[in-house]
C-alpha atoms as a PDB file:
ATOM      1  CA  UNK A   1     118.862  48.950-176.764  1.00  0.00           C
ATOM      2  CA  UNK A   2     119.853  50.099-173.283  1.00  0.00           C
ATOM      3  CA  UNK A   3     116.614  52.045-173.123  1.00  0.00           C
ATOM      4  CA  UNK A   4     114.475  48.982-173.825  1.00  0.00           C
ATOM      5  CA  UNK A   5     116.264  46.880-171.288  1.00  0.00           C
ATOM      6  CA  UNK A   6     115.903  49.693-168.787  1.00  0.00           C
ATOM      7  CA  UNK A   7     112.167  49.917-169.426  1.00  0.00           C
ATOM      8  CA  UNK A   8     111.767  46.187-169.204  1.00  0.00           C
ATOM      9  CA  UNK A   9     113.623  46.106-165.783  1.00  0.00           C
ATOM     10  CA  UNK A  10     111.478  48.937-164.584  1.00  0.00           C
ATOM     11  CA  UNK A  11     108.240  47.137-165.619  1.00  0.00           C
ATOM     12  CA  UNK A  12     109.441  43.892-163.913  1.00  0.00           C
ATOM     13  CA  UNK A  13     110.358  45.785-160.783  1.00  0.00           C
ATOM     14  CA  UNK A  14     106.955  47.467-160.535  1.00  0.00           C
ATOM     15  CA  UNK A  15     105.252  43.942-160.924  1.00  0.00           C
ATOM     16  CA  UNK A  16     107.461  42.520-158.248  1.00  0.00           C
ATOM     17  CA  UNK A  17     106.530  45.334-155.770  1.00  0.00           C
ATOM     18  CA  UNK A  18     102.805  44.808-156.516  1.00  0.00           C
ATOM     19  CA  UNK A  19     103.169  41.003-155.909  1.00  0.00           C
ATOM     20  CA  UNK A  20     105.020  41.656-152.601  1.00  0.00           C
ATOM     21  CA  UNK A  21     102.508  44.164-151.537  1.00  0.00           C
ATOM     22  CA  UNK A  22      99.606  41.846-152.070  1.00  0.00           C
ATOM     23  CA  UNK A  23     101.123  38.926-150.400  1.00  0.00           C
ATOM     24  CA  UNK A  24     102.112  41.104-147.415  1.00  0.00           C
ATOM     25  CA  UNK A  25      98.592  42.331-147.148  1.00  0.00           C
ATOM     26  CA  UNK A  26      97.142  38.753-147.320  1.00  0.00           C
ATOM     27  CA  UNK A  27      99.730  37.618-144.751  1.00  0.00           C
ATOM     28  CA  UNK A  28      98.730  40.433-142.437  1.00  0.00           C
ATOM     29  CA  UNK A  29      94.990  39.573-142.841  1.00  0.00           C
ATOM     30  CA  UNK A  30      95.783  35.949-142.112  1.00  0.00           C
ATOM     31  CA  UNK A  31      97.967  36.800-139.165  1.00  0.00           C
ATOM     32  CA  UNK A  32      95.298  39.073-137.691  1.00  0.00           C
ATOM     33  CA  UNK A  33      92.542  36.516-138.170  1.00  0.00           C
ATOM     34  CA  UNK A  34      94.548  33.717-136.574  1.00  0.00           C
ATOM     35  CA  UNK A  35      96.023  35.663-133.699  1.00  0.00           C
ATOM     36  CA  UNK A  36      93.038  37.538-132.428  1.00  0.00           C
ATOM     37  CA  UNK A  37      91.176  35.740-129.586  1.00  0.00           C
ATOM     38  CA  UNK A  38      87.819  34.519-130.734  1.00  0.00           C
ATOM     39  CA  UNK A  39      84.818  36.094-129.266  1.00  0.00           C
ATOM     40  CA  UNK A  40      81.538  34.363-129.984  1.00  0.00           C
ATOM     41  CA  UNK A  41      80.676  36.956-132.755  1.00  0.00           C
ATOM     42  CA  UNK A  42      84.220  36.690-134.318  1.00  0.00           C
ATOM     43  CA  UNK A  43      84.050  32.837-134.136  1.00  0.00           C
ATOM     44  CA  UNK A  44      80.548  32.919-135.625  1.00  0.00           C
ATOM     45  CA  UNK A  45      81.687  35.179-138.503  1.00  0.00           C
ATOM     46  CA  UNK A  46      84.736  32.931-139.085  1.00  0.00           C
ATOM     47  CA  UNK A  47      82.445  29.827-138.894  1.00  0.00           C
ATOM     48  CA  UNK A  48      80.065  31.302-141.588  1.00  0.00           C
ATOM     49  CA  UNK A  49      82.910  31.959-143.905  1.00  0.00           C
ATOM     50  CA  UNK A  50      84.324  28.547-143.291  1.00  0.00           C
ATOM     51  CA  UNK A  51      81.008  26.836-143.889  1.00  0.00           C
ATOM     52  CA  UNK A  52      80.613  28.501-147.271  1.00  0.00           C
ATOM     53  CA  UNK A  53      83.916  26.920-148.419  1.00  0.00           C
ATOM     54  CA  UNK A  54      83.859  23.676-146.358  1.00  0.00           C
ATOM     55  CA  UNK A  55      81.306  21.042-145.576  1.00  0.00           C
ATOM     56  CA  UNK A  56      80.841  20.859-141.895  1.00  0.00           C
ATOM     57  CA  UNK A  57      79.609  17.925-139.730  1.00  0.00           C
ATOM     58  CA  UNK A  58      77.492  18.653-136.605  1.00  0.00           C
ATOM     59  CA  UNK A  59      78.747  17.181-133.516  1.00  0.00           C
ATOM     60  CA  UNK A  60      77.552  17.020-129.805  1.00  0.00           C
ATOM     61  CA  UNK A  61      80.252  16.955-127.078  1.00  0.00           C
ATOM     62  CA  UNK A  62      78.936  16.078-123.676  1.00  0.00           C
ATOM     63  CA  UNK A  63      80.866  16.677-120.547  1.00  0.00           C
ATOM     64  CA  UNK A  64      78.962  15.552-117.404  1.00  0.00           C
ATOM     65  CA  UNK A  65      75.355  16.673-118.013  1.00  0.00           C
ATOM     66  CA  UNK A  66      76.348  19.649-120.197  1.00  0.00           C
ATOM     67  CA  UNK A  67      76.148  19.254-124.054  1.00  0.00           C
ATOM     68  CA  UNK A  68      78.081  21.493-126.483  1.00  0.00           C
ATOM     69  CA  UNK A  69      77.551  21.922-130.227  1.00  0.00           C
ATOM     70  CA  UNK A  70      80.578  21.582-132.359  1.00  0.00           C
ATOM     71  CA  UNK A  71      81.360  21.811-136.022  1.00  0.00           C
ATOM     72  CA  UNK A  72      83.785  19.248-137.675  1.00  0.00           C
ATOM     73  CA  UNK A  73      85.546  19.740-140.911  1.00  0.00           C
ATOM     74  CA  UNK A  74      84.443  17.048-143.342  1.00  0.00           C
ATOM     75  CA  UNK A  75      87.810  15.560-144.317  1.00  0.00           C
ATOM     76  CA  UNK A  76      89.495  12.153-144.368  1.00  0.00           C
ATOM     77  CA  UNK A  77      90.527  12.315-140.695  1.00  0.00           C
ATOM     78  CA  UNK A  78      87.015  13.121-139.529  1.00  0.00           C
ATOM     79  CA  UNK A  79      85.465  10.436-141.700  1.00  0.00           C
ATOM     80  CA  UNK A  80      87.645   7.876-140.050  1.00  0.00           C
ATOM     81  CA  UNK A  81      86.975   9.271-136.608  1.00  0.00           C
ATOM     82  CA  UNK A  82      83.138   9.485-136.824  1.00  0.00           C
ATOM     83  CA  UNK A  83      83.119   5.711-137.585  1.00  0.00           C
ATOM     84  CA  UNK A  84      84.007   5.315-133.923  1.00  0.00           C
ATOM     85  CA  UNK A  85      81.071   7.384-132.629  1.00  0.00           C
ATOM     86  CA  UNK A  86      79.400   7.537-130.285  1.00  0.00           C
ATOM     87  CA  UNK A  87      82.675   7.657-128.363  1.00  0.00           C
ATOM     88  CA  UNK A  88      82.892   8.017-124.618  1.00  0.00           C
ATOM     89  CA  UNK A  89      86.377   8.596-123.272  1.00  0.00           C
ATOM     90  CA  UNK A  90      88.304   9.680-120.164  1.00  0.00           C
ATOM     91  CA  UNK A  91      90.271  12.651-121.284  1.00  0.00           C
ATOM     92  CA  UNK A  92      93.443  13.537-119.381  1.00  0.00           C
ATOM     93  CA  UNK A  93      94.617  17.033-118.430  1.00  0.00           C
ATOM     94  CA  UNK A  94      97.773  18.435-119.949  1.00  0.00           C
ATOM     95  CA  UNK A  95      99.491  21.800-119.472  1.00  0.00           C
ATOM     96  CA  UNK A  96      96.525  23.577-118.119  1.00  0.00           C
ATOM     97  CA  UNK A  97      95.243  24.233-121.721  1.00  0.00           C
ATOM     98  CA  UNK A  98      94.046  20.926-123.075  1.00  0.00           C
ATOM     99  CA  UNK A  99      92.382  17.600-122.641  1.00  0.00           C
ATOM    100  CA  UNK A 100      93.594  14.587-124.597  1.00  0.00           C
ATOM    101  CA  UNK A 101      92.877  10.975-125.279  1.00  0.00           C
ATOM    102  CA  UNK A 102      94.818   8.328-127.259  1.00  0.00           C
ATOM    103  CA  UNK A 103      92.503   6.577-129.682  1.00  0.00           C
ATOM    104  CA  UNK A 104      92.675   2.803-130.093  1.00  0.00           C
ATOM    105  CA  UNK A 105      93.047   3.173-133.913  1.00  0.00           C
ATOM    106  CA  UNK A 106      95.197   5.524-135.838  1.00  0.00           C
ATOM    107  CA  UNK A 107      93.680   8.011-138.207  1.00  0.00           C
ATOM    108  CA  UNK A 108      94.820   9.598-141.486  1.00  0.00           C
ATOM    109  CA  UNK A 109      96.451  12.960-140.988  1.00  0.00           C
ATOM    110  CA  UNK A 110      96.962  16.351-142.682  1.00  0.00           C
ATOM    111  CA  UNK A 111      99.019  17.927-140.007  1.00  0.00           C
ATOM    112  CA  UNK A 112     100.181  21.544-140.016  1.00  0.00           C
ATOM    113  CA  UNK A 113     101.557  23.966-137.476  1.00  0.00           C
ATOM    114  CA  UNK A 114      98.634  26.225-136.531  1.00  0.00           C
ATOM    115  CA  UNK A 115     100.666  28.822-134.592  1.00  0.00           C
ATOM    116  CA  UNK A 116      97.769  30.052-132.617  1.00  0.00           C
ATOM    117  CA  UNK A 117      95.352  27.564-130.984  1.00  0.00           C
ATOM    118  CA  UNK A 118      92.063  28.832-129.751  1.00  0.00           C
ATOM    119  CA  UNK A 119      89.927  27.714-126.816  1.00  0.00           C
ATOM    120  CA  UNK A 120      87.448  25.199-128.276  1.00  0.00           C
ATOM    121  CA  UNK A 121      89.716  23.868-131.091  1.00  0.00           C
ATOM    122  CA  UNK A 122      89.453  20.098-131.687  1.00  0.00           C
ATOM    123  CA  UNK A 123      92.577  18.705-133.194  1.00  0.00           C
ATOM    124  CA  UNK A 124      94.526  15.421-133.685  1.00  0.00           C
ATOM    125  CA  UNK A 125      98.110  15.218-132.413  1.00  0.00           C
ATOM    126  CA  UNK A 126     100.153  12.722-134.350  1.00  0.00           C
ATOM    127  CA  UNK A 127      97.907  10.008-135.753  1.00  0.00           C
ATOM    128  CA  UNK A 128      95.955   8.951-132.710  1.00  0.00           C
ATOM    129  CA  UNK A 129      95.795  11.545-130.004  1.00  0.00           C
ATOM    130  CA  UNK A 130      92.453  13.423-129.840  1.00  0.00           C
ATOM    131  CA  UNK A 131      92.832  16.890-128.267  1.00  0.00           C
ATOM    132  CA  UNK A 132      90.296  19.475-127.123  1.00  0.00           C
ATOM    133  CA  UNK A 133      91.792  22.854-126.167  1.00  0.00           C
ATOM    134  CA  UNK A 134      90.320  25.085-123.515  1.00  0.00           C
ATOM    135  CA  UNK A 135      92.756  27.932-123.565  1.00  0.00           C
ATOM    136  CA  UNK A 136      94.074  30.107-126.326  1.00  0.00           C
ATOM    137  CA  UNK A 137      97.856  30.100-126.855  1.00  0.00           C
ATOM    138  CA  UNK A 138     100.636  29.909-129.353  1.00  0.00           C
ATOM    139  CA  UNK A 139     102.172  26.516-130.157  1.00  0.00           C
ATOM    140  CA  UNK A 140     104.962  25.243-132.479  1.00  0.00           C
ATOM    141  CA  UNK A 141     103.482  21.627-132.468  1.00  0.00           C
ATOM    142  CA  UNK A 142     101.873  20.126-135.505  1.00  0.00           C
ATOM    143  CA  UNK A 143      98.238  19.089-135.430  1.00  0.00           C
ATOM    144  CA  UNK A 144      95.512  17.922-137.842  1.00  0.00           C
ATOM    145  CA  UNK A 145      92.499  20.275-137.567  1.00  0.00           C
ATOM    146  CA  UNK A 146      89.264  18.459-136.844  1.00  0.00           C
ATOM    147  CA  UNK A 147      86.852  21.212-135.832  1.00  0.00           C
ATOM    148  CA  UNK A 148      85.739  23.548-133.040  1.00  0.00           C
ATOM    149  CA  UNK A 149      83.295  23.912-130.202  1.00  0.00           C
ATOM    150  CA  UNK A 150      80.856  26.674-130.922  1.00  0.00           C
ATOM    151  CA  UNK A 151      80.517  27.914-127.398  1.00  0.00           C
ATOM    152  CA  UNK A 152      84.133  27.756-126.304  1.00  0.00           C
ATOM    153  CA  UNK A 153      83.473  30.124-123.390  1.00  0.00           C
ATOM    154  CA  UNK A 154      80.884  27.784-121.710  1.00  0.00           C
ATOM    155  CA  UNK A 155      83.086  24.781-122.488  1.00  0.00           C
ATOM    156  CA  UNK A 156      86.067  26.457-120.688  1.00  0.00           C
ATOM    157  CA  UNK A 157      83.923  26.912-117.551  1.00  0.00           C
ATOM    158  CA  UNK A 158      82.933  23.286-117.513  1.00  0.00           C
ATOM    159  CA  UNK A 159      86.070  21.372-118.151  1.00  0.00           C
ATOM    160  CA  UNK A 160      88.017  22.353-115.046  1.00  0.00           C
ATOM    161  CA  UNK A 161      91.596  21.450-114.391  1.00  0.00           C
ATOM    162  CA  UNK A 162      91.430  17.616-114.034  1.00  0.00           C
ATOM    163  CA  UNK A 163      90.599  14.591-116.163  1.00  0.00           C
ATOM    164  CA  UNK A 164      87.020  14.521-117.486  1.00  0.00           C
ATOM    165  CA  UNK A 165      84.742  11.934-119.151  1.00  0.00           C
ATOM    166  CA  UNK A 166      83.576  13.158-122.558  1.00  0.00           C
ATOM    167  CA  UNK A 167      81.173  11.748-125.069  1.00  0.00           C
ATOM    168  CA  UNK A 168      81.486  12.595-128.822  1.00  0.00           C
ATOM    169  CA  UNK A 169      78.489  11.850-131.021  1.00  0.00           C
ATOM    170  CA  UNK A 170      77.021  13.115-134.258  1.00  0.00           C
ATOM    171  CA  UNK A 171      74.156  15.584-133.824  1.00  0.00           C
ATOM    172  CA  UNK A 172      70.734  14.125-134.367  1.00  0.00           C
ATOM    173  CA  UNK A 173      68.578  16.232-136.635  1.00  0.00           C
ATOM    174  CA  UNK A 174      64.792  15.767-136.349  1.00  0.00           C
ATOM    175  CA  UNK A 175      63.016  15.180-139.554  1.00  0.00           C
ATOM    176  CA  UNK A 176      59.749  17.014-140.527  1.00  0.00           C
ATOM    177  CA  UNK A 177      56.999  15.429-142.558  1.00  0.00           C
ATOM    178  CA  UNK A 178      58.557  16.692-145.827  1.00  0.00           C
ATOM    179  CA  UNK A 179      61.951  14.909-144.946  1.00  0.00           C
ATOM    180  CA  UNK A 180      63.614  18.262-144.314  1.00  0.00           C
ATOM    181  CA  UNK A 181      65.935  18.677-141.379  1.00  0.00           C
ATOM    182  CA  UNK A 182      64.713  20.950-138.573  1.00  0.00           C
END
């Protein structure tokens, strides 16, 4: 009887080691993906992986005369936000790493603590503060992820350190004769 109990304990111990090992490996993969600064090629690879699992909405963000392509996650928050587009706002500077604007209407949220925020991330703070980040840094604040600017490097060069006027609008896709998007 003691032998059977010992064998069962040994088997359970082996399974628990395997489970810990897999979760630790996955945690390390997630940590390394989120903590590494995004280069354009890394961001594009991440974006391709994300677009296979999530539906994305194309957005154009205009600062001055410079337009930037962005991808938005198709979620409840974004569906409520795009109803306000086109949206031209004066975004204020905060902390040398973000531009923000308080929306006139609150939005549904799915906030989380991202840990690492990347230049080009578009998020919602609370239920009504639209934030666009232009620096990569760690944060303990909670945000609802909205999307990201595809060319964050160029965006960083344009935003400067003061308040800016920004227009958010859905990307217009040209139609061909067959009705397909170009």
